[in-house]
Amino acid sequence: MTYATRATNPAPSSAPLVFTLYGRAWCHLCDDMRAALEPLLMGSGARVDVIDIDTDPALEARYNEAVPVLMYEGAELCRYHLDATRVRAVLATRADASAR
């Protein structure tokens, strides 16, 4: 009798990394963070979903003047100014997983 086995460590997902940037359309710090983020993500296949908190009363109440906020998988990476080190760490983790 032959038994089929499944890998216990599935291959890394090929889905792109998705960062979420909470901000406001009129916020210069939000514009600055988005501009600083673009070169870090270039060529990585990652994307940024930009959410205008003014379109959702719950988000506006939650973040109000505390924008921009960059999130990845529900965890806050940085607020007000880009923390390039933390973003690079997320990208490196994905690159390490893909190399396996």
C-alpha atoms as a PDB file:
ATOM      1  CA  MET A   1       0.000   0.000   0.000  1.00  0.00           C
ATOM      2  CA  THR A   2       1.279   3.474  -0.890  1.00  0.00           C
ATOM      3  CA  TYR A   3       0.507   6.580   1.112  1.00  0.00           C
ATOM      4  CA  ALA A   4       0.558  10.050  -0.354  1.00  0.00           C
ATOM      5  CA  THR A   5       2.182  12.668   1.809  1.00  0.00           C
ATOM      6  CA  ARG A   6       1.547  16.363   1.931  1.00  0.00           C
ATOM      7  CA  ALA A   7       4.211  18.903   2.661  1.00  0.00           C
ATOM      8  CA  THR A   8       3.868  20.272   6.163  1.00  0.00           C
ATOM      9  CA  ASN A   9       5.483  23.510   5.055  1.00  0.00           C
ATOM     10  CA  PRO A  10       3.595  24.693   2.009  1.00  0.00           C
ATOM     11  CA  ALA A  11       5.385  26.767  -0.602  1.00  0.00           C
ATOM     12  CA  PRO A  12       5.375  30.496   0.110  1.00  0.00           C
ATOM     13  CA  SER A  13       2.395  32.304  -1.258  1.00  0.00           C
ATOM     14  CA  SER A  14       2.914  34.012  -4.560  1.00  0.00           C
ATOM     15  CA  ALA A  15       0.352  36.620  -3.590  1.00  0.00           C
ATOM     16  CA  PRO A  16       1.841  40.094  -3.394  1.00  0.00           C
ATOM     17  CA  LEU A  17       2.587  41.738  -0.081  1.00  0.00           C
ATOM     18  CA  VAL A  18      -0.062  44.324   0.699  1.00  0.00           C
ATOM     19  CA  PHE A  19       0.655  47.294   2.904  1.00  0.00           C
ATOM     20  CA  THR A  20      -2.167  49.589   4.029  1.00  0.00           C
ATOM     21  CA  LEU A  21      -1.606  53.311   4.358  1.00  0.00           C
ATOM     22  CA  TYR A  22      -4.260  55.155   6.343  1.00  0.00           C
ATOM     23  CA  GLY A  23      -4.252  58.866   5.661  1.00  0.00           C
ATOM     24  CA  ARG A  24      -6.118  61.865   4.353  1.00  0.00           C
ATOM     25  CA  ALA A  25      -6.256  63.376   0.887  1.00  0.00           C
ATOM     26  CA  TRP A  26      -5.108  66.775   2.180  1.00  0.00           C
ATOM     27  CA  CYS A  27      -2.348  65.494   4.492  1.00  0.00           C
ATOM     28  CA  HIS A  28       1.189  66.444   3.442  1.00  0.00           C
ATOM     29  CA  LEU A  29       2.731  63.853   5.794  1.00  0.00           C
ATOM     30  CA  CYS A  30       0.590  61.204   4.093  1.00  0.00           C
ATOM     31  CA  ASP A  31       1.877  62.327   0.705  1.00  0.00           C
ATOM     32  CA  ASP A  32       5.444  62.273   2.028  1.00  0.00           C
ATOM     33  CA  MET A  33       5.103  58.733   3.418  1.00  0.00           C
ATOM     34  CA  ARG A  34       3.599  57.437   0.202  1.00  0.00           C
ATOM     35  CA  ALA A  35       6.380  59.032  -1.863  1.00  0.00           C
ATOM     36  CA  ALA A  36       9.078  57.609   0.431  1.00  0.00           C
ATOM     37  CA  LEU A  37       7.475  54.154   0.318  1.00  0.00           C
ATOM     38  CA  GLU A  38       7.342  53.868  -3.476  1.00  0.00           C
ATOM     39  CA  PRO A  39      11.089  53.357  -4.085  1.00  0.00           C
ATOM     40  CA  LEU A  40      11.288  50.766  -1.283  1.00  0.00           C
ATOM     41  CA  LEU A  41       8.547  48.691  -2.884  1.00  0.00           C
ATOM     42  CA  MET A  42       9.713  49.069  -6.473  1.00  0.00           C
ATOM     43  CA  GLY A  43      10.522  45.681  -7.941  1.00  0.00           C
ATOM     44  CA  SER A  44       9.287  43.806  -4.871  1.00  0.00           C
ATOM     45  CA  GLY A  45       5.839  43.017  -6.226  1.00  0.00           C
ATOM     46  CA  ALA A  46       4.367  44.590  -3.076  1.00  0.00           C
ATOM     47  CA  ARG A  47       1.573  47.100  -3.247  1.00  0.00           C
ATOM     48  CA  VAL A  48       0.067  49.781  -1.052  1.00  0.00           C
ATOM     49  CA  ASP A  49      -3.650  50.169  -0.499  1.00  0.00           C
ATOM     50  CA  VAL A  50      -4.254  53.805   0.409  1.00  0.00           C
ATOM     51  CA  ILE A  51      -7.300  54.381   2.609  1.00  0.00           C
ATOM     52  CA  ASP A  52      -8.666  57.897   3.099  1.00  0.00           C
ATOM     53  CA  ILE A  53      -9.904  57.881   6.685  1.00  0.00           C
ATOM     54  CA  ASP A  54     -12.288  60.747   5.932  1.00  0.00           C
ATOM     55  CA  THR A  55     -14.455  58.336   3.924  1.00  0.00           C
ATOM     56  CA  ASP A  56     -15.194  56.156   6.958  1.00  0.00           C
ATOM     57  CA  PRO A  57     -16.416  57.635  10.270  1.00  0.00           C
ATOM     58  CA  ALA A  58     -14.970  54.701  12.265  1.00  0.00           C
ATOM     59  CA  LEU A  59     -11.501  55.149  10.738  1.00  0.00           C
ATOM     60  CA  GLU A  60     -11.704  58.907  11.190  1.00  0.00           C
ATOM     61  CA  ALA A  61     -12.559  58.423  14.870  1.00  0.00           C
ATOM     62  CA  ARG A  62      -9.783  55.851  15.293  1.00  0.00           C
ATOM     63  CA  TYR A  63      -6.945  57.751  13.608  1.00  0.00           C
ATOM     64  CA  ASN A  64      -8.100  61.387  13.422  1.00  0.00           C
ATOM     65  CA  GLU A  65      -4.893  63.446  13.481  1.00  0.00           C
ATOM     66  CA  ALA A  66      -2.611  60.428  13.970  1.00  0.00           C
ATOM     67  CA  VAL A  67      -2.035  59.896  10.246  1.00  0.00           C
ATOM     68  CA  PRO A  68      -0.345  58.643   8.220  1.00  0.00           C
ATOM     69  CA  VAL A  69      -0.267  55.113   9.603  1.00  0.00           C
ATOM     70  CA  LEU A  70       1.351  52.284   7.658  1.00  0.00           C
ATOM     71  CA  MET A  71       0.114  48.779   8.451  1.00  0.00           C
ATOM     72  CA  TYR A  72       1.088  45.298   7.354  1.00  0.00           C
ATOM     73  CA  GLU A  73      -1.082  42.299   8.214  1.00  0.00           C
ATOM     74  CA  GLY A  74      -2.829  44.232  10.965  1.00  0.00           C
ATOM     75  CA  ALA A  75       0.377  45.422  12.627  1.00  0.00           C
ATOM     76  CA  GLU A  76       1.368  49.059  12.694  1.00  0.00           C
ATOM     77  CA  LEU A  77       4.781  49.585  11.104  1.00  0.00           C
ATOM     78  CA  CYS A  78       5.012  53.342  11.496  1.00  0.00           C
ATOM     79  CA  ARG A  79       3.089  56.525  12.126  1.00  0.00           C
ATOM     80  CA  TYR A  80       3.703  60.084  10.880  1.00  0.00           C
ATOM     81  CA  HIS A  81       7.012  59.251   9.135  1.00  0.00           C
ATOM     82  CA  LEU A  82       8.154  56.200   7.202  1.00  0.00           C
ATOM     83  CA  ASP A  83      10.252  53.699   9.130  1.00  0.00           C
ATOM     84  CA  ALA A  84      12.184  52.322   6.162  1.00  0.00           C
ATOM     85  CA  THR A  85      13.956  49.766   8.357  1.00  0.00           C
ATOM     86  CA  ARG A  86      10.671  48.117   9.352  1.00  0.00           C
ATOM     87  CA  VAL A  87       9.392  48.079   5.772  1.00  0.00           C
ATOM     88  CA  ARG A  88      12.653  46.541   4.544  1.00  0.00           C
ATOM     89  CA  ALA A  89      12.382  43.903   7.284  1.00  0.00           C
ATOM     90  CA  VAL A  90       8.925  42.883   6.031  1.00  0.00           C
ATOM     91  CA  LEU A  91      10.203  42.744   2.453  1.00  0.00           C
ATOM     92  CA  ALA A  92      13.264  40.734   3.513  1.00  0.00           C
ATOM     93  CA  THR A  93      11.128  38.239   5.409  1.00  0.00           C
ATOM     94  CA  ARG A  94       9.110  37.625   2.260  1.00  0.00           C
ATOM     95  CA  ALA A  95      12.275  37.356   0.145  1.00  0.00           C
ATOM     96  CA  ASP A  96      13.739  34.834   2.630  1.00  0.00           C
ATOM     97  CA  ALA A  97      10.555  32.761   2.530  1.00  0.00           C
ATOM     98  CA  SER A  98      10.565  32.780  -1.276  1.00  0.00           C
ATOM     99  CA  ALA A  99      14.176  31.588  -1.368  1.00  0.00           C
ATOM    100  CA  ARG A 100      13.321  28.412   0.550  1.00  0.00           C
END
